[in-house]
Amino acid sequence: MPRKQKDGKFKMKTHKATSKRFKMTGSGKIMRTKIGKGHLRRRTPDRTKMLFERMIPVKTRSLKKTVKRLAPYMDKNK
């Protein structure tokens, strides 16, 4: 976890790639996108492409901790 500055002059920077890949729900769950959405999807069935659109919750505690460290203000936007 990041440490707070004692004098309060500096804000912590958000890791932009993390903020684009993860979203936080209203209840506080961290959701992530599925892999395989980037390219080579021309011959994929429509049903499979539709399944790629859903986001799934992050389960591992270590990944949750990493995401919260990289995007400290993510939960405050909701």
C-alpha atoms as a PDB file:
ATOM      1  CA  MET A   1       0.000   0.000   0.000  1.00  0.00           C
ATOM      2  CA  PRO A   2       1.232   3.494  -0.742  1.00  0.00           C
ATOM      3  CA  ARG A   3       2.206   5.732   2.117  1.00  0.00           C
ATOM      4  CA  LYS A   4       0.624   9.111   2.672  1.00  0.00           C
ATOM      5  CA  GLN A   5       2.763  12.198   2.446  1.00  0.00           C
ATOM      6  CA  LYS A   6       3.225  13.945   5.776  1.00  0.00           C
ATOM      7  CA  ASP A   7       2.899  17.496   4.491  1.00  0.00           C
ATOM      8  CA  GLY A   8       0.080  16.746   2.036  1.00  0.00           C
ATOM      9  CA  LYS A   9       1.619  18.530  -0.943  1.00  0.00           C
ATOM     10  CA  PHE A  10       1.744  15.672  -3.396  1.00  0.00           C
ATOM     11  CA  LYS A  11      -0.930  13.523  -4.958  1.00  0.00           C
ATOM     12  CA  MET A  12      -0.219   9.954  -5.941  1.00  0.00           C
ATOM     13  CA  LYS A  13      -0.311   9.166  -9.634  1.00  0.00           C
ATOM     14  CA  THR A  14      -2.693   6.606 -11.062  1.00  0.00           C
ATOM     15  CA  HIS A  15      -1.247   3.923 -13.332  1.00  0.00           C
ATOM     16  CA  LYS A  16      -3.267   4.628 -16.473  1.00  0.00           C
ATOM     17  CA  ALA A  17      -3.104   1.122 -17.941  1.00  0.00           C
ATOM     18  CA  THR A  18      -4.505  -0.276 -14.688  1.00  0.00           C
ATOM     19  CA  SER A  19      -7.343   2.222 -14.610  1.00  0.00           C
ATOM     20  CA  LYS A  20      -8.301   1.270 -18.175  1.00  0.00           C
ATOM     21  CA  ARG A  21      -8.211  -2.482 -17.570  1.00  0.00           C
ATOM     22  CA  PHE A  22     -10.013  -2.646 -14.224  1.00  0.00           C
ATOM     23  CA  LYS A  23     -13.270  -1.127 -12.980  1.00  0.00           C
ATOM     24  CA  MET A  24     -14.782  -1.063  -9.525  1.00  0.00           C
ATOM     25  CA  THR A  25     -18.438  -1.826  -8.909  1.00  0.00           C
ATOM     26  CA  GLY A  26     -20.640   0.035  -6.477  1.00  0.00           C
ATOM     27  CA  SER A  27     -20.322  -2.768  -3.952  1.00  0.00           C
ATOM     28  CA  GLY A  28     -16.512  -2.573  -4.076  1.00  0.00           C
ATOM     29  CA  LYS A  29     -15.651  -5.545  -6.302  1.00  0.00           C
ATOM     30  CA  ILE A  30     -12.803  -5.107  -8.754  1.00  0.00           C
ATOM     31  CA  MET A  31     -13.803  -6.301 -12.224  1.00  0.00           C
ATOM     32  CA  ARG A  32     -11.427  -7.169 -15.044  1.00  0.00           C
ATOM     33  CA  THR A  33     -11.813  -7.694 -18.772  1.00  0.00           C
ATOM     34  CA  LYS A  34     -11.253 -11.037 -20.423  1.00  0.00           C
ATOM     35  CA  ILE A  35      -8.213 -11.862 -22.513  1.00  0.00           C
ATOM     36  CA  GLY A  36      -8.274 -12.461 -26.252  1.00  0.00           C
ATOM     37  CA  LYS A  37     -10.255  -9.380 -27.291  1.00  0.00           C
ATOM     38  CA  GLY A  38      -7.533  -7.653 -29.248  1.00  0.00           C
ATOM     39  CA  HIS A  39      -7.255  -9.168 -32.696  1.00  0.00           C
ATOM     40  CA  LEU A  40      -7.746 -12.345 -34.806  1.00  0.00           C
ATOM     41  CA  ARG A  41     -11.454 -12.459 -34.025  1.00  0.00           C
ATOM     42  CA  ARG A  42     -12.713 -12.479 -37.605  1.00  0.00           C
ATOM     43  CA  ARG A  43     -13.497 -16.191 -37.711  1.00  0.00           C
ATOM     44  CA  THR A  44     -14.740 -16.374 -34.128  1.00  0.00           C
ATOM     45  CA  PRO A  45     -18.469 -17.086 -33.739  1.00  0.00           C
ATOM     46  CA  ASP A  46     -20.695 -14.197 -32.692  1.00  0.00           C
ATOM     47  CA  ARG A  47     -21.664 -15.984 -29.492  1.00  0.00           C
ATOM     48  CA  THR A  48     -18.027 -16.304 -28.436  1.00  0.00           C
ATOM     49  CA  LYS A  49     -17.377 -12.642 -29.219  1.00  0.00           C
ATOM     50  CA  MET A  50     -20.397 -11.718 -27.122  1.00  0.00           C
ATOM     51  CA  LEU A  51     -18.939 -13.647 -24.174  1.00  0.00           C
ATOM     52  CA  PHE A  52     -15.761 -11.557 -24.418  1.00  0.00           C
ATOM     53  CA  GLU A  53     -17.727  -8.393 -23.611  1.00  0.00           C
ATOM     54  CA  ARG A  54     -18.513  -9.411 -20.039  1.00  0.00           C
ATOM     55  CA  MET A  55     -16.261  -8.452 -17.171  1.00  0.00           C
ATOM     56  CA  ILE A  56     -15.410 -10.933 -14.434  1.00  0.00           C
ATOM     57  CA  PRO A  57     -14.448 -10.255 -10.810  1.00  0.00           C
ATOM     58  CA  VAL A  58     -10.856 -10.440  -9.618  1.00  0.00           C
ATOM     59  CA  LYS A  59     -10.495 -13.335  -7.191  1.00  0.00           C
ATOM     60  CA  THR A  60      -6.894 -13.411  -6.000  1.00  0.00           C
ATOM     61  CA  ARG A  61      -6.020 -11.284  -3.007  1.00  0.00           C
ATOM     62  CA  SER A  62      -2.587 -10.380  -4.367  1.00  0.00           C
ATOM     63  CA  LEU A  63      -4.002  -8.979  -7.618  1.00  0.00           C
ATOM     64  CA  LYS A  64      -6.584  -6.948  -5.701  1.00  0.00           C
ATOM     65  CA  LYS A  65      -3.805  -5.476  -3.575  1.00  0.00           C
ATOM     66  CA  THR A  66      -1.732  -4.644  -6.652  1.00  0.00           C
ATOM     67  CA  VAL A  67      -4.646  -2.951  -8.413  1.00  0.00           C
ATOM     68  CA  LYS A  68      -5.459  -0.852  -5.350  1.00  0.00           C
ATOM     69  CA  ARG A  69      -1.825   0.221  -5.087  1.00  0.00           C
ATOM     70  CA  LEU A  70      -1.578   1.179  -8.775  1.00  0.00           C
ATOM     71  CA  ALA A  71      -4.948   2.963  -8.912  1.00  0.00           C
ATOM     72  CA  PRO A  72      -5.468   4.456  -5.441  1.00  0.00           C
ATOM     73  CA  TYR A  73      -8.358   6.741  -6.425  1.00  0.00           C
ATOM     74  CA  MET A  74     -10.337   4.156  -8.381  1.00  0.00           C
ATOM     75  CA  ASP A  75     -12.824   3.448  -5.587  1.00  0.00           C
ATOM     76  CA  LYS A  76     -13.393   7.140  -4.849  1.00  0.00           C
ATOM     77  CA  ASN A  77     -14.821   7.795  -8.334  1.00  0.00           C
ATOM     78  CA  LYS A  78     -17.846   5.556  -7.802  1.00  0.00           C
END
